[in-house]
Every structure is written in structure tokens, then in C-alpha cells.
Full PDB file with SEQRES, HELIX, SHEET, SSBOND, CRYST1, ORIGX, SCALE, CONECT and MASTER records, all heavy atoms in Angstrom:
SEQRES   1 A   40  GLY PHE ALA LEU VAL ARG ILE LEU GLY ASP ASN MET LYS          
SEQRES   2 A   40  PRO GLU LYS ILE MET LYS LEU ILE GLY ASP VAL GLN ASP          
SEQRES   3 A   40  ILE ASP GLY GLY SER SER MET VAL LYS GLN LEU GLN GLY          
SEQRES   4 A   40  PHE                                                          
HELIX    1 AA1 PRO A   14  GLY A   22  1                                   9    
HELIX    2 AA2 VAL A   24  ASP A   26  5                                   3    
HELIX    3 AA3 SER A   32  GLY A   39  1                                   8    
CRYST1    1.000    1.000    1.000  90.00  90.00  90.00 P 1           1          
ORIGX1      1.000000  0.000000  0.000000        0.00000                         
ORIGX2      0.000000  1.000000  0.000000        0.00000                         
ORIGX3      0.000000  0.000000  1.000000        0.00000                         
SCALE1      1.000000  0.000000  0.000000        0.00000                         
SCALE2      0.000000  1.000000  0.000000        0.00000                         
SCALE3      0.000000  0.000000  1.000000        0.00000                         
ATOM      1  N   GLY A   1     100.872 110.884  90.066  1.00  0.00           N  
ATOM      2  CA  GLY A   1     100.660 111.428  91.366  1.00  0.00           C  
ATOM      3  C   GLY A   1     101.840 111.269  92.221  1.00  0.00           C  
ATOM      4  O   GLY A   1     102.968 111.231  91.798  1.00  0.00           O  
ATOM      5  N   PHE A   2     101.551 111.151  93.551  1.00  0.00           N  
ATOM      6  CA  PHE A   2     102.696 110.927  94.546  1.00  0.00           C  
ATOM      7  C   PHE A   2     102.239 110.032  95.644  1.00  0.00           C  
ATOM      8  O   PHE A   2     101.062 109.845  95.869  1.00  0.00           O  
ATOM      9  CB  PHE A   2     103.248 112.274  94.983  1.00  0.00           C  
ATOM     10  CG  PHE A   2     102.273 113.051  95.867  1.00  0.00           C  
ATOM     11  CD1 PHE A   2     102.141 112.740  97.244  1.00  0.00           C  
ATOM     12  CD2 PHE A   2     101.644 114.165  95.384  1.00  0.00           C  
ATOM     13  CE1 PHE A   2     101.311 113.450  98.064  1.00  0.00           C  
ATOM     14  CE2 PHE A   2     100.807 114.922  96.186  1.00  0.00           C  
ATOM     15  CZ  PHE A   2     100.613 114.551  97.492  1.00  0.00           C  
ATOM     16  N   ALA A   3     103.213 109.466  96.210  1.00  0.00           N  
ATOM     17  CA  ALA A   3     103.042 108.687  97.417  1.00  0.00           C  
ATOM     18  C   ALA A   3     103.975 109.064  98.504  1.00  0.00           C  
ATOM     19  O   ALA A   3     105.089 109.430  98.258  1.00  0.00           O  
ATOM     20  CB  ALA A   3     103.221 107.174  97.155  1.00  0.00           C  
ATOM     21  N   LEU A   4     103.402 109.086  99.722  1.00  0.00           N  
ATOM     22  CA  LEU A   4     104.253 109.531 100.914  1.00  0.00           C  
ATOM     23  C   LEU A   4     104.156 108.338 101.916  1.00  0.00           C  
ATOM     24  O   LEU A   4     103.028 108.045 102.292  1.00  0.00           O  
ATOM     25  CB  LEU A   4     103.669 110.779 101.438  1.00  0.00           C  
ATOM     26  CG  LEU A   4     104.356 111.587 102.472  1.00  0.00           C  
ATOM     27  CD1 LEU A   4     105.737 111.971 102.026  1.00  0.00           C  
ATOM     28  CD2 LEU A   4     103.589 112.864 102.794  1.00  0.00           C  
ATOM     29  N   VAL A   5     105.252 107.735 102.239  1.00  0.00           N  
ATOM     30  CA  VAL A   5     105.186 106.640 103.211  1.00  0.00           C  
ATOM     31  C   VAL A   5     106.040 107.041 104.481  1.00  0.00           C  
ATOM     32  O   VAL A   5     107.231 107.434 104.295  1.00  0.00           O  
ATOM     33  CB  VAL A   5     105.832 105.382 102.567  1.00  0.00           C  
ATOM     34  CG1 VAL A   5     105.831 104.242 103.527  1.00  0.00           C  
ATOM     35  CG2 VAL A   5     105.132 104.997 101.331  1.00  0.00           C  
ATOM     36  N   ARG A   6     105.366 106.940 105.607  1.00  0.00           N  
ATOM     37  CA  ARG A   6     106.086 107.069 106.879  1.00  0.00           C  
ATOM     38  C   ARG A   6     106.336 105.773 107.482  1.00  0.00           C  
ATOM     39  O   ARG A   6     105.417 104.978 107.630  1.00  0.00           O  
ATOM     40  CB  ARG A   6     105.225 107.938 107.855  1.00  0.00           C  
ATOM     41  CG  ARG A   6     105.001 109.322 107.446  1.00  0.00           C  
ATOM     42  CD  ARG A   6     104.065 109.999 108.373  1.00  0.00           C  
ATOM     43  NE  ARG A   6     104.698 110.201 109.666  1.00  0.00           N  
ATOM     44  CZ  ARG A   6     104.038 110.209 110.873  1.00  0.00           C  
ATOM     45  NH1 ARG A   6     102.698 110.103 110.853  1.00  0.00           N  
ATOM     46  NH2 ARG A   6     104.647 110.334 112.018  1.00  0.00           N  
ATOM     47  N   ILE A   7     107.578 105.465 107.768  1.00  0.00           N  
ATOM     48  CA  ILE A   7     108.024 104.229 108.378  1.00  0.00           C  
ATOM     49  C   ILE A   7     108.354 104.591 109.853  1.00  0.00           C  
ATOM     50  O   ILE A   7     109.357 105.309 110.010  1.00  0.00           O  
ATOM     51  CB  ILE A   7     109.123 103.553 107.639  1.00  0.00           C  
ATOM     52  CG1 ILE A   7     108.803 103.338 106.206  1.00  0.00           C  
ATOM     53  CG2 ILE A   7     109.532 102.197 108.349  1.00  0.00           C  
ATOM     54  CD1 ILE A   7     109.899 102.972 105.315  1.00  0.00           C  
ATOM     55  N   LEU A   8     107.630 104.060 110.722  1.00  0.00           N  
ATOM     56  CA  LEU A   8     107.871 104.336 112.223  1.00  0.00           C  
ATOM     57  C   LEU A   8     108.391 103.093 112.896  1.00  0.00           C  
ATOM     58  O   LEU A   8     107.995 101.930 112.508  1.00  0.00           O  
ATOM     59  CB  LEU A   8     106.538 104.752 112.858  1.00  0.00           C  
ATOM     60  CG  LEU A   8     105.837 105.998 112.235  1.00  0.00           C  
ATOM     61  CD1 LEU A   8     104.492 106.128 112.709  1.00  0.00           C  
ATOM     62  CD2 LEU A   8     106.654 107.165 112.418  1.00  0.00           C  
ATOM     63  N   GLY A   9     109.346 103.241 113.721  1.00  0.00           N  
ATOM     64  CA  GLY A   9     109.951 102.121 114.374  1.00  0.00           C  
ATOM     65  C   GLY A   9     110.638 102.548 115.687  1.00  0.00           C  
ATOM     66  O   GLY A   9     110.577 103.679 116.187  1.00  0.00           O  
ATOM     67  N   ASP A  10     111.308 101.522 116.276  1.00  0.00           N  
ATOM     68  CA  ASP A  10     112.048 101.713 117.439  1.00  0.00           C  
ATOM     69  C   ASP A  10     113.543 101.444 117.237  1.00  0.00           C  
ATOM     70  O   ASP A  10     113.940 100.412 116.763  1.00  0.00           O  
ATOM     71  CB  ASP A  10     111.626 100.736 118.615  1.00  0.00           C  
ATOM     72  CG  ASP A  10     110.184 100.993 118.928  1.00  0.00           C  
ATOM     73  OD1 ASP A  10     109.724 102.121 119.124  1.00  0.00           O  
ATOM     74  OD2 ASP A  10     109.386  99.992 118.940  1.00  0.00           O  
ATOM     75  N   ASN A  11     114.336 102.503 117.485  1.00  0.00           N  
ATOM     76  CA  ASN A  11     115.793 102.326 117.444  1.00  0.00           C  
ATOM     77  C   ASN A  11     116.261 101.819 116.013  1.00  0.00           C  
ATOM     78  O   ASN A  11     117.011 100.908 115.919  1.00  0.00           O  
ATOM     79  CB  ASN A  11     116.393 101.307 118.480  1.00  0.00           C  
ATOM     80  CG  ASN A  11     117.817 101.535 118.735  1.00  0.00           C  
ATOM     81  OD1 ASN A  11     118.392 102.549 118.396  1.00  0.00           O  
ATOM     82  ND2 ASN A  11     118.417 100.494 119.224  1.00  0.00           N  
ATOM     83  N   MET A  12     115.647 102.428 115.013  1.00  0.00           N  
ATOM     84  CA  MET A  12     116.004 102.069 113.583  1.00  0.00           C  
ATOM     85  C   MET A  12     117.440 102.546 113.253  1.00  0.00           C  
ATOM     86  O   MET A  12     117.697 103.684 113.484  1.00  0.00           O  
ATOM     87  CB  MET A  12     115.070 102.602 112.660  1.00  0.00           C  
ATOM     88  CG  MET A  12     113.621 102.029 112.795  1.00  0.00           C  
ATOM     89  SD  MET A  12     112.418 102.536 111.540  1.00  0.00           S  
ATOM     90  CE  MET A  12     112.273 104.321 111.881  1.00  0.00           C  
ATOM     91  N   LYS A  13     118.295 101.707 112.665  1.00  0.00           N  
ATOM     92  CA  LYS A  13     119.626 102.076 112.335  1.00  0.00           C  
ATOM     93  C   LYS A  13     119.659 102.443 110.775  1.00  0.00           C  
ATOM     94  O   LYS A  13     119.150 101.638 109.969  1.00  0.00           O  
ATOM     95  CB  LYS A  13     120.564 100.934 112.563  1.00  0.00           C  
ATOM     96  CG  LYS A  13     120.569 100.361 113.941  1.00  0.00           C  
ATOM     97  CD  LYS A  13     121.269 101.350 114.923  1.00  0.00           C  
ATOM     98  CE  LYS A  13     121.319 100.779 116.280  1.00  0.00           C  
ATOM     99  NZ  LYS A  13     121.237 101.759 117.348  1.00  0.00           N  
ATOM    100  N   PRO A  14     120.135 103.600 110.438  1.00  0.00           N  
ATOM    101  CA  PRO A  14     120.144 104.076 109.073  1.00  0.00           C  
ATOM    102  C   PRO A  14     120.705 103.027 108.123  1.00  0.00           C  
ATOM    103  O   PRO A  14     120.171 102.815 107.053  1.00  0.00           O  
ATOM    104  CB  PRO A  14     121.026 105.335 109.092  1.00  0.00           C  
ATOM    105  CG  PRO A  14     120.915 105.828 110.494  1.00  0.00           C  
ATOM    106  CD  PRO A  14     120.782 104.603 111.386  1.00  0.00           C  
ATOM    107  N   GLU A  15     121.923 102.395 108.471  1.00  0.00           N  
ATOM    108  CA  GLU A  15     122.551 101.565 107.449  1.00  0.00           C  
ATOM    109  C   GLU A  15     121.729 100.260 107.250  1.00  0.00           C  
ATOM    110  O   GLU A  15     121.644  99.702 106.163  1.00  0.00           O  
ATOM    111  CB  GLU A  15     124.033 101.205 107.896  1.00  0.00           C  
ATOM    112  CG  GLU A  15     124.136 100.366 109.125  1.00  0.00           C  
ATOM    113  CD  GLU A  15     124.002 101.169 110.463  1.00  0.00           C  
ATOM    114  OE1 GLU A  15     123.812 102.446 110.393  1.00  0.00           O  
ATOM    115  OE2 GLU A  15     124.090 100.559 111.509  1.00  0.00           O  
ATOM    116  N   LYS A  16     121.062  99.862 108.349  1.00  0.00           N  
ATOM    117  CA  LYS A  16     120.220  98.622 108.232  1.00  0.00           C  
ATOM    118  C   LYS A  16     118.911  98.840 107.504  1.00  0.00           C  
ATOM    119  O   LYS A  16     118.428  98.024 106.685  1.00  0.00           O  
ATOM    120  CB  LYS A  16     120.053  98.010 109.592  1.00  0.00           C  
ATOM    121  CG  LYS A  16     121.399  97.465 110.158  1.00  0.00           C  
ATOM    122  CD  LYS A  16     121.231  96.995 111.507  1.00  0.00           C  
ATOM    123  CE  LYS A  16     122.668  96.434 111.931  1.00  0.00           C  
ATOM    124  NZ  LYS A  16     122.753  96.200 113.285  1.00  0.00           N  
ATOM    125  N   ILE A  17     118.336 100.048 107.725  1.00  0.00           N  
ATOM    126  CA  ILE A  17     117.154 100.389 106.999  1.00  0.00           C  
ATOM    127  C   ILE A  17     117.410 100.517 105.496  1.00  0.00           C  
ATOM    128  O   ILE A  17     116.691 100.063 104.667  1.00  0.00           O  
ATOM    129  CB  ILE A  17     116.494 101.706 107.576  1.00  0.00           C  
ATOM    130  CG1 ILE A  17     115.931 101.472 108.938  1.00  0.00           C  
ATOM    131  CG2 ILE A  17     115.433 102.251 106.610  1.00  0.00           C  
ATOM    132  CD1 ILE A  17     114.766 100.554 109.046  1.00  0.00           C  
ATOM    133  N   MET A  18     118.630 101.183 105.145  1.00  0.00           N  
ATOM    134  CA  MET A  18     118.995 101.288 103.706  1.00  0.00           C  
ATOM    135  C   MET A  18     119.153  99.827 103.170  1.00  0.00           C  
ATOM    136  O   MET A  18     118.824  99.599 102.004  1.00  0.00           O  
ATOM    137  CB  MET A  18     120.276 102.036 103.607  1.00  0.00           C  
ATOM    138  CG  MET A  18     120.121 103.520 103.871  1.00  0.00           C  
ATOM    139  SD  MET A  18     118.751 104.245 102.887  1.00  0.00           S  
ATOM    140  CE  MET A  18     119.434 104.034 101.261  1.00  0.00           C  
ATOM    141  N   LYS A  19     119.700  98.893 103.914  1.00  0.00           N  
ATOM    142  CA  LYS A  19     119.873  97.562 103.438  1.00  0.00           C  
ATOM    143  C   LYS A  19     118.500  96.880 103.119  1.00  0.00           C  
ATOM    144  O   LYS A  19     118.251  96.204 102.181  1.00  0.00           O  
ATOM    145  CB  LYS A  19     120.678  96.740 104.498  1.00  0.00           C  
ATOM    146  CG  LYS A  19     120.788  95.234 104.051  1.00  0.00           C  
ATOM    147  CD  LYS A  19     121.711  95.031 102.896  1.00  0.00           C  
ATOM    148  CE  LYS A  19     121.917  93.591 102.761  1.00  0.00           C  
ATOM    149  NZ  LYS A  19     122.265  93.181 101.408  1.00  0.00           N  
ATOM    150  N   LEU A  20     117.556  97.213 104.093  1.00  0.00           N  
ATOM    151  CA  LEU A  20     116.189  96.613 103.927  1.00  0.00           C  
ATOM    152  C   LEU A  20     115.548  97.138 102.733  1.00  0.00           C  
ATOM    153  O   LEU A  20     114.918  96.566 101.881  1.00  0.00           O  
ATOM    154  CB  LEU A  20     115.380  96.892 105.195  1.00  0.00           C  
ATOM    155  CG  LEU A  20     113.926  96.316 105.177  1.00  0.00           C  
ATOM    156  CD1 LEU A  20     113.869  94.823 105.077  1.00  0.00           C  
ATOM    157  CD2 LEU A  20     113.197  96.780 106.462  1.00  0.00           C  
ATOM    158  N   ILE A  21     115.640  98.544 102.538  1.00  0.00           N  
ATOM    159  CA  ILE A  21     115.142  99.216 101.365  1.00  0.00           C  
ATOM    160  C   ILE A  21     115.712  98.653 100.064  1.00  0.00           C  
ATOM    161  O   ILE A  21     114.980  98.413  99.082  1.00  0.00           O  
ATOM    162  CB  ILE A  21     115.296 100.725 101.456  1.00  0.00           C  
ATOM    163  CG1 ILE A  21     114.390 101.277 102.573  1.00  0.00           C  
ATOM    164  CG2 ILE A  21     115.000 101.433 100.133  1.00  0.00           C  
ATOM    165  CD1 ILE A  21     114.558 102.732 102.906  1.00  0.00           C  
ATOM    166  N   GLY A  22     117.020  98.405 100.118  1.00  0.00           N  
ATOM    167  CA  GLY A  22     117.681  97.854  98.963  1.00  0.00           C  
ATOM    168  C   GLY A  22     117.350  96.407  98.661  1.00  0.00           C  
ATOM    169  O   GLY A  22     117.365  95.991  97.553  1.00  0.00           O  
ATOM    170  N   ASP A  23     116.843  95.737  99.728  1.00  0.00           N  
ATOM    171  CA  ASP A  23     116.482  94.301  99.575  1.00  0.00           C  
ATOM    172  C   ASP A  23     114.932  94.144  99.549  1.00  0.00           C  
ATOM    173  O   ASP A  23     114.391  93.104 100.032  1.00  0.00           O  
ATOM    174  CB  ASP A  23     117.001  93.477 100.772  1.00  0.00           C  
ATOM    175  CG  ASP A  23     118.584  93.347 100.735  1.00  0.00           C  
ATOM    176  OD1 ASP A  23     119.184  93.742  99.695  1.00  0.00           O  
ATOM    177  OD2 ASP A  23     119.103  92.865 101.763  1.00  0.00           O  
ATOM    178  N   VAL A  24     114.275  95.122  98.951  1.00  0.00           N  
ATOM    179  CA  VAL A  24     112.765  95.012  98.926  1.00  0.00           C  
ATOM    180  C   VAL A  24     112.323  93.741  98.388  1.00  0.00           C  
ATOM    181  O   VAL A  24     111.286  93.219  98.724  1.00  0.00           O  
ATOM    182  CB  VAL A  24     112.227  96.274  98.227  1.00  0.00           C  
ATOM    183  CG1 VAL A  24     110.754  96.138  97.931  1.00  0.00           C  
ATOM    184  CG2 VAL A  24     112.397  97.513  99.075  1.00  0.00           C  
ATOM    185  N   GLN A  25     113.052  93.157  97.428  1.00  0.00           N  
ATOM    186  CA  GLN A  25     112.702  91.918  96.790  1.00  0.00           C  
ATOM    187  C   GLN A  25     112.692  90.802  97.865  1.00  0.00           C  
ATOM    188  O   GLN A  25     112.063  89.701  97.561  1.00  0.00           O  
ATOM    189  CB  GLN A  25     113.637  91.560  95.619  1.00  0.00           C  
ATOM    190  CG  GLN A  25     115.023  91.232  96.018  1.00  0.00           C  
ATOM    191  CD  GLN A  25     115.934  92.426  95.986  1.00  0.00           C  
ATOM    192  OE1 GLN A  25     115.505  93.556  95.998  1.00  0.00           O  
ATOM    193  NE2 GLN A  25     117.203  92.249  96.152  1.00  0.00           N  
ATOM    194  N   ASP A  26     113.304  90.976  98.980  1.00  0.00           N  
ATOM    195  CA  ASP A  26     113.260  89.965 100.020  1.00  0.00           C  
ATOM    196  C   ASP A  26     111.980  89.907 100.829  1.00  0.00           C  
ATOM    197  O   ASP A  26     111.776  89.028 101.696  1.00  0.00           O  
ATOM    198  CB  ASP A  26     114.442  90.114 100.993  1.00  0.00           C  
ATOM    199  CG  ASP A  26     115.715  89.765 100.324  1.00  0.00           C  
ATOM    200  OD1 ASP A  26     115.726  88.965  99.432  1.00  0.00           O  
ATOM    201  OD2 ASP A  26     116.778  90.336 100.768  1.00  0.00           O  
ATOM    202  N   ILE A  27     111.018  90.847 100.548  1.00  0.00           N  
ATOM    203  CA  ILE A  27     109.685  90.772 101.185  1.00  0.00           C  
ATOM    204  C   ILE A  27     108.945  89.646 100.508  1.00  0.00           C  
ATOM    205  O   ILE A  27     108.975  89.492  99.273  1.00  0.00           O  
ATOM    206  CB  ILE A  27     108.975  92.076 101.040  1.00  0.00           C  
ATOM    207  CG1 ILE A  27     109.660  93.192 101.946  1.00  0.00           C  
ATOM    208  CG2 ILE A  27     107.550  91.941 101.403  1.00  0.00           C  
ATOM    209  CD1 ILE A  27     109.112  94.450 101.684  1.00  0.00           C  
ATOM    210  N   ASP A  28     108.323  88.871 101.312  1.00  0.00           N  
ATOM    211  CA  ASP A  28     107.562  87.687 100.781  1.00  0.00           C  
ATOM    212  C   ASP A  28     106.264  88.210 100.149  1.00  0.00           C  
ATOM    213  O   ASP A  28     105.235  88.356 100.748  1.00  0.00           O  
ATOM    214  CB  ASP A  28     107.239  86.718 101.944  1.00  0.00           C  
ATOM    215  CG  ASP A  28     106.596  85.470 101.501  1.00  0.00           C  
ATOM    216  OD1 ASP A  28     106.384  85.308 100.259  1.00  0.00           O  
ATOM    217  OD2 ASP A  28     106.275  84.645 102.319  1.00  0.00           O  
ATOM    218  N   GLY A  29     106.347  88.437  98.833  1.00  0.00           N  
ATOM    219  CA  GLY A  29     105.141  88.870  98.074  1.00  0.00           C  
ATOM    220  C   GLY A  29     104.081  87.800  97.979  1.00  0.00           C  
ATOM    221  O   GLY A  29     102.996  88.068  97.504  1.00  0.00           O  
ATOM    222  N   GLY A  30     104.335  86.570  98.298  1.00  0.00           N  
ATOM    223  CA  GLY A  30     103.407  85.459  98.239  1.00  0.00           C  
ATOM    224  C   GLY A  30     102.475  85.366  99.438  1.00  0.00           C  
ATOM    225  O   GLY A  30     101.483  84.620  99.343  1.00  0.00           O  
ATOM    226  N   SER A  31     102.784  86.151 100.495  1.00  0.00           N  
ATOM    227  CA  SER A  31     101.917  86.048 101.612  1.00  0.00           C  
ATOM    228  C   SER A  31     100.527  86.596 101.282  1.00  0.00           C  
ATOM    229  O   SER A  31     100.403  87.503 100.605  1.00  0.00           O  
ATOM    230  CB  SER A  31     102.472  86.725 102.863  1.00  0.00           C  
ATOM    231  OG  SER A  31     102.300  88.105 102.771  1.00  0.00           O  
ATOM    232  N   SER A  32      99.507  85.988 101.920  1.00  0.00           N  
ATOM    233  CA  SER A  32      98.152  86.337 101.547  1.00  0.00           C  
ATOM    234  C   SER A  32      97.865  87.794 101.989  1.00  0.00           C  
ATOM    235  O   SER A  32      97.145  88.520 101.275  1.00  0.00           O  
ATOM    236  CB  SER A  32      97.188  85.378 102.288  1.00  0.00           C  
ATOM    237  OG  SER A  32      97.307  85.475 103.630  1.00  0.00           O  
ATOM    238  N   MET A  33      98.427  88.236 103.140  1.00  0.00           N  
ATOM    239  CA  MET A  33      98.165  89.647 103.548  1.00  0.00           C  
ATOM    240  C   MET A  33      98.763  90.582 102.543  1.00  0.00           C  
ATOM    241  O   MET A  33      98.178  91.629 102.213  1.00  0.00           O  
ATOM    242  CB  MET A  33      98.765  89.878 104.966  1.00  0.00           C  
ATOM    243  CG  MET A  33      98.073  89.131 106.027  1.00  0.00           C  
ATOM    244  SD  MET A  33      96.365  89.578 106.263  1.00  0.00           S  
ATOM    245  CE  MET A  33      96.517  91.041 107.137  1.00  0.00           C  
ATOM    246  N   VAL A  34     100.016  90.352 102.051  1.00  0.00           N  
ATOM    247  CA  VAL A  34     100.616  91.274 101.093  1.00  0.00           C  
ATOM    248  C   VAL A  34      99.825  91.278  99.784  1.00  0.00           C  
ATOM    249  O   VAL A  34      99.555  92.338  99.200  1.00  0.00           O  
ATOM    250  CB  VAL A  34     102.064  90.845 100.860  1.00  0.00           C  
ATOM    251  CG1 VAL A  34     102.634  91.678  99.671  1.00  0.00           C  
ATOM    252  CG2 VAL A  34     102.938  91.067 102.067  1.00  0.00           C  
ATOM    253  N   LYS A  35      99.346  90.135  99.348  1.00  0.00           N  
ATOM    254  CA  LYS A  35      98.536  89.991  98.105  1.00  0.00           C  
ATOM    255  C   LYS A  35      97.223  90.816  98.262  1.00  0.00           C  
ATOM    256  O   LYS A  35      96.829  91.551  97.411  1.00  0.00           O  
ATOM    257  CB  LYS A  35      98.237  88.583  97.788  1.00  0.00           C  
ATOM    258  CG  LYS A  35      99.406  87.900  97.181  1.00  0.00           C  
ATOM    259  CD  LYS A  35      99.010  86.445  96.790  1.00  0.00           C  
ATOM    260  CE  LYS A  35     100.225  85.754  96.171  1.00  0.00           C  
ATOM    261  NZ  LYS A  35      99.903  84.373  95.752  1.00  0.00           N  
ATOM    262  N   GLN A  36      96.587  90.668  99.411  1.00  0.00           N  
ATOM    263  CA  GLN A  36      95.350  91.442  99.748  1.00  0.00           C  
ATOM    264  C   GLN A  36      95.631  92.917  99.682  1.00  0.00           C  
ATOM    265  O   GLN A  36      94.877  93.692  99.098  1.00  0.00           O  
ATOM    266  CB  GLN A  36      94.700  91.043 101.031  1.00  0.00           C  
ATOM    267  CG  GLN A  36      94.129  89.619 101.063  1.00  0.00           C  
ATOM    268  CD  GLN A  36      93.611  89.310 102.438  1.00  0.00           C  
ATOM    269  OE1 GLN A  36      93.855  90.007 103.444  1.00  0.00           O  
ATOM    270  NE2 GLN A  36      93.063  88.103 102.474  1.00  0.00           N  
ATOM    271  N   LEU A  37      96.744  93.365 100.304  1.00  0.00           N  
ATOM    272  CA  LEU A  37      97.062  94.725 100.323  1.00  0.00           C  
ATOM    273  C   LEU A  37      97.363  95.306  98.968  1.00  0.00           C  
ATOM    274  O   LEU A  37      96.894  96.336  98.544  1.00  0.00           O  
ATOM    275  CB  LEU A  37      98.291  94.974 101.192  1.00  0.00           C  
ATOM    276  CG  LEU A  37      98.766  96.373 101.460  1.00  0.00           C  
ATOM    277  CD1 LEU A  37      97.660  97.281 102.095  1.00  0.00           C  
ATOM    278  CD2 LEU A  37      99.975  96.434 102.303  1.00  0.00           C  
ATOM    279  N   GLN A  38      98.151  94.505  98.124  1.00  0.00           N  
ATOM    280  CA  GLN A  38      98.395  94.950  96.779  1.00  0.00           C  
ATOM    281  C   GLN A  38      97.121  95.044  95.975  1.00  0.00           C  
ATOM    282  O   GLN A  38      96.938  96.055  95.184  1.00  0.00           O  
ATOM    283  CB  GLN A  38      99.374  93.896  96.109  1.00  0.00           C  
ATOM    284  CG  GLN A  38     100.792  93.977  96.626  1.00  0.00           C  
ATOM    285  CD  GLN A  38     101.606  92.842  96.048  1.00  0.00           C  
ATOM    286  OE1 GLN A  38     101.066  91.788  95.641  1.00  0.00           O  
ATOM    287  NE2 GLN A  38     102.932  93.040  96.093  1.00  0.00           N  
ATOM    288  N   GLY A  39      96.189  94.135  96.139  1.00  0.00           N  
ATOM    289  CA  GLY A  39      94.932  94.094  95.433  1.00  0.00           C  
ATOM    290  C   GLY A  39      94.130  95.373  95.782  1.00  0.00           C  
ATOM    291  O   GLY A  39      93.491  96.050  94.947  1.00  0.00           O  
ATOM    292  N   PHE A  40      94.140  95.678  97.086  1.00  0.00           N  
ATOM    293  CA  PHE A  40      93.390  96.860  97.598  1.00  0.00           C  
ATOM    294  C   PHE A  40      93.966  98.139  97.002  1.00  0.00           C  
ATOM    295  O   PHE A  40      93.166  98.975  96.545  1.00  0.00           O  
ATOM    296  CB  PHE A  40      93.387  96.874  99.108  1.00  0.00           C  
ATOM    297  CG  PHE A  40      92.760  98.082  99.734  1.00  0.00           C  
ATOM    298  CD1 PHE A  40      91.384  98.230  99.692  1.00  0.00           C  
ATOM    299  CD2 PHE A  40      93.512  99.104 100.243  1.00  0.00           C  
ATOM    300  CE1 PHE A  40      90.753  99.320 100.268  1.00  0.00           C  
ATOM    301  CE2 PHE A  40      92.925 100.233 100.732  1.00  0.00           C  
ATOM    302  CZ  PHE A  40      91.495 100.355 100.750  1.00  0.00           C  
TER     303      PHE A  40                                                      
MASTER        0    0    0    3    0    0    0    6  302    1    0    4          
END                                                                             
């Protein structure tokens, strides 16, 4: 299938957003909210 994600923000800088996308592993996957969202 497909997924469509809209990321909304204030004054987002392209180069910094690309760095964040590239550093997705830096998201704390251990947080309870992230685990609940992944399970859902």
C-alpha cells in the first residue's frame, strides 16, 4: 500500500529537517508513547 505523512511546523529549515529525517534512529523508540503508537 502507501503512506502519506504531512509534517507541519513553524519556520522549518530544509537542511535541518533533512538532518532529522536522516537521523531517524535518534528518535527514542523506548518511550512508552512511541511504543503504544507503534503497537496501534
